[in-house]
Amino acid sequence: MEVGLEEERNTVPHSNGQEEKIYVAIRVRPLNEREKSRHDVSEWECISNNAIRFKNNGHAEQRSPADTYTFDRVFGEKCPTKQVYEQGIKEVALSVVRGIN
């Protein structure tokens, strides 16, 4: 299920060598072929570019605020890998290669 998320051109914070922050990005993985053949549905719903919600097997009456999780960036299951790389981990990967830890 793809929720209409507004595409955002945000970037991962750069390290200035003095202060580093932990940047947490997640991707809700798409169902694999076996799961699709069983007519499974995803347990997770992207509700914004930085929040996901556990669906409790689709029972809306069981939802609670504790079922919602916030991260620096959330990528939906239909988000292409290239976009995840460009907007989620590129700067982190480059900083590692440059020796910034």
C-alpha atoms as a PDB file:
ATOM      1  CA  MET A   1       0.000   0.000   0.000  1.00  0.00           C
ATOM      2  CA  GLU A   2       1.524   3.290  -1.034  1.00  0.00           C
ATOM      3  CA  VAL A   3       0.383   6.320   0.857  1.00  0.00           C
ATOM      4  CA  GLY A   4       0.612   9.546  -1.126  1.00  0.00           C
ATOM      5  CA  LEU A   5       3.752  11.027   0.353  1.00  0.00           C
ATOM      6  CA  GLU A   6       4.953  14.369  -0.827  1.00  0.00           C
ATOM      7  CA  GLU A   7       8.377  13.882  -2.385  1.00  0.00           C
ATOM      8  CA  GLU A   8      10.877  15.775  -0.337  1.00  0.00           C
ATOM      9  CA  ARG A   9      14.415  16.698  -1.350  1.00  0.00           C
ATOM     10  CA  ASN A  10      15.882  16.621   2.115  1.00  0.00           C
ATOM     11  CA  THR A  11      19.469  15.717   2.764  1.00  0.00           C
ATOM     12  CA  VAL A  12      21.201  13.819   5.498  1.00  0.00           C
ATOM     13  CA  PRO A  13      22.938  16.187   7.935  1.00  0.00           C
ATOM     14  CA  HIS A  14      26.649  16.562   7.223  1.00  0.00           C
ATOM     15  CA  SER A  15      29.188  16.091   9.959  1.00  0.00           C
ATOM     16  CA  ASN A  16      31.331  19.144  10.666  1.00  0.00           C
ATOM     17  CA  GLY A  17      33.938  17.073  12.509  1.00  0.00           C
ATOM     18  CA  GLN A  18      32.922  18.584  15.846  1.00  0.00           C
ATOM     19  CA  GLU A  19      29.481  17.211  16.463  1.00  0.00           C
ATOM     20  CA  GLU A  20      27.795  14.181  14.963  1.00  0.00           C
ATOM     21  CA  LYS A  21      24.192  13.118  15.148  1.00  0.00           C
ATOM     22  CA  ILE A  22      22.617   9.771  14.579  1.00  0.00           C
ATOM     23  CA  TYR A  23      20.349   9.859  11.538  1.00  0.00           C
ATOM     24  CA  VAL A  24      17.777   7.071  11.409  1.00  0.00           C
ATOM     25  CA  ALA A  25      16.053   6.263   8.136  1.00  0.00           C
ATOM     26  CA  ILE A  26      13.941   3.192   7.491  1.00  0.00           C
ATOM     27  CA  ARG A  27      12.317   1.625   4.489  1.00  0.00           C
ATOM     28  CA  VAL A  28       9.113  -0.363   4.693  1.00  0.00           C
ATOM     29  CA  ARG A  29       9.984  -3.333   2.535  1.00  0.00           C
ATOM     30  CA  PRO A  30       7.611  -4.489  -0.158  1.00  0.00           C
ATOM     31  CA  LEU A  31       5.984  -7.887   0.137  1.00  0.00           C
ATOM     32  CA  ASN A  32       7.914 -10.680  -1.554  1.00  0.00           C
ATOM     33  CA  GLU A  33       6.347 -13.020  -4.127  1.00  0.00           C
ATOM     34  CA  ARG A  34       5.524 -15.713  -1.564  1.00  0.00           C
ATOM     35  CA  GLU A  35       3.729 -13.194   0.642  1.00  0.00           C
ATOM     36  CA  LYS A  36       1.807 -11.827  -2.344  1.00  0.00           C
ATOM     37  CA  SER A  37       0.741 -15.326  -3.404  1.00  0.00           C
ATOM     38  CA  ARG A  38      -0.666 -15.883   0.109  1.00  0.00           C
ATOM     39  CA  HIS A  39      -2.499 -12.538  -0.173  1.00  0.00           C
ATOM     40  CA  ASP A  40      -0.632 -11.198   2.841  1.00  0.00           C
ATOM     41  CA  VAL A  41      -0.767  -7.490   3.572  1.00  0.00           C
ATOM     42  CA  SER A  42       1.883  -5.247   5.045  1.00  0.00           C
ATOM     43  CA  GLU A  43       1.742  -4.762   8.799  1.00  0.00           C
ATOM     44  CA  TRP A  44       3.080  -1.205   8.444  1.00  0.00           C
ATOM     45  CA  GLU A  45       1.590   1.975   7.026  1.00  0.00           C
ATOM     46  CA  CYS A  46       3.641   5.046   6.103  1.00  0.00           C
ATOM     47  CA  ILE A  47       1.737   8.040   7.430  1.00  0.00           C
ATOM     48  CA  SER A  48       4.302  10.720   6.564  1.00  0.00           C
ATOM     49  CA  ASN A  49       7.907  11.172   5.430  1.00  0.00           C
ATOM     50  CA  ASN A  50       9.005  10.530   9.001  1.00  0.00           C
ATOM     51  CA  ALA A  51       6.380   8.312  10.638  1.00  0.00           C
ATOM     52  CA  ILE A  52       5.001   4.794  10.314  1.00  0.00           C
ATOM     53  CA  ARG A  53       2.161   3.033  12.067  1.00  0.00           C
ATOM     54  CA  PHE A  54       1.698  -0.607  12.964  1.00  0.00           C
ATOM     55  CA  LYS A  55      -1.686  -1.566  11.550  1.00  0.00           C
ATOM     56  CA  ASN A  56      -2.638  -4.229  14.151  1.00  0.00           C
ATOM     57  CA  ASN A  57      -3.755  -6.503  11.321  1.00  0.00           C
ATOM     58  CA  GLY A  58      -6.096  -3.812  10.045  1.00  0.00           C
ATOM     59  CA  HIS A  59      -8.173  -3.394  13.201  1.00  0.00           C
ATOM     60  CA  ALA A  60      -8.468   0.382  13.453  1.00  0.00           C
ATOM     61  CA  GLU A  61     -10.252   0.205  16.805  1.00  0.00           C
ATOM     62  CA  GLN A  62      -7.113  -1.332  18.334  1.00  0.00           C
ATOM     63  CA  ARG A  63      -4.796   1.469  17.248  1.00  0.00           C
ATOM     64  CA  SER A  64      -3.106   3.587  19.829  1.00  0.00           C
ATOM     65  CA  PRO A  65      -0.469   6.340  19.748  1.00  0.00           C
ATOM     66  CA  ALA A  66       2.012   3.661  20.839  1.00  0.00           C
ATOM     67  CA  ASP A  67       1.538   2.061  17.402  1.00  0.00           C
ATOM     68  CA  THR A  68       3.142   5.087  15.665  1.00  0.00           C
ATOM     69  CA  TYR A  69       6.913   5.451  15.350  1.00  0.00           C
ATOM     70  CA  THR A  70       8.853   8.518  14.227  1.00  0.00           C
ATOM     71  CA  PHE A  71      12.237   8.529  12.473  1.00  0.00           C
ATOM     72  CA  ASP A  72      14.350  11.090  10.655  1.00  0.00           C
ATOM     73  CA  ARG A  73      13.112   9.666   7.340  1.00  0.00           C
ATOM     74  CA  VAL A  74      10.695   6.920   6.314  1.00  0.00           C
ATOM     75  CA  PHE A  75      10.566   5.439   2.828  1.00  0.00           C
ATOM     76  CA  GLY A  76       7.443   3.586   1.691  1.00  0.00           C
ATOM     77  CA  GLU A  77       7.422   0.135   0.178  1.00  0.00           C
ATOM     78  CA  LYS A  78       7.133   1.490  -3.381  1.00  0.00           C
ATOM     79  CA  CYS A  79      10.038   3.890  -2.993  1.00  0.00           C
ATOM     80  CA  PRO A  80      12.835   3.034  -5.450  1.00  0.00           C
ATOM     81  CA  THR A  81      16.193   1.965  -4.028  1.00  0.00           C
ATOM     82  CA  LYS A  82      17.898   4.871  -5.801  1.00  0.00           C
ATOM     83  CA  GLN A  83      15.724   7.358  -3.917  1.00  0.00           C
ATOM     84  CA  VAL A  84      16.473   5.610  -0.605  1.00  0.00           C
ATOM     85  CA  TYR A  85      20.183   5.912  -1.378  1.00  0.00           C
ATOM     86  CA  GLU A  86      20.066   9.535  -2.568  1.00  0.00           C
ATOM     87  CA  GLN A  87      17.842  10.851   0.227  1.00  0.00           C
ATOM     88  CA  GLY A  88      18.659   8.441   3.013  1.00  0.00           C
ATOM     89  CA  ILE A  89      22.171   7.082   3.107  1.00  0.00           C
ATOM     90  CA  LYS A  90      24.362   8.697   0.458  1.00  0.00           C
ATOM     91  CA  GLU A  91      25.904  11.302   2.764  1.00  0.00           C
ATOM     92  CA  VAL A  92      26.387   8.761   5.542  1.00  0.00           C
ATOM     93  CA  ALA A  93      28.132   6.358   3.150  1.00  0.00           C
ATOM     94  CA  LEU A  94      30.325   9.142   1.750  1.00  0.00           C
ATOM     95  CA  SER A  95      31.320  10.305   5.233  1.00  0.00           C
ATOM     96  CA  VAL A  96      32.439   6.769   6.075  1.00  0.00           C
ATOM     97  CA  VAL A  97      34.500   6.611   2.910  1.00  0.00           C
ATOM     98  CA  ARG A  98      36.037  10.004   3.782  1.00  0.00           C
ATOM     99  CA  GLY A  99      36.956   8.649   7.217  1.00  0.00           C
ATOM    100  CA  ILE A 100      34.447  10.633   9.251  1.00  0.00           C
ATOM    101  CA  ASN A 101      32.957   8.285  11.774  1.00  0.00           C
END
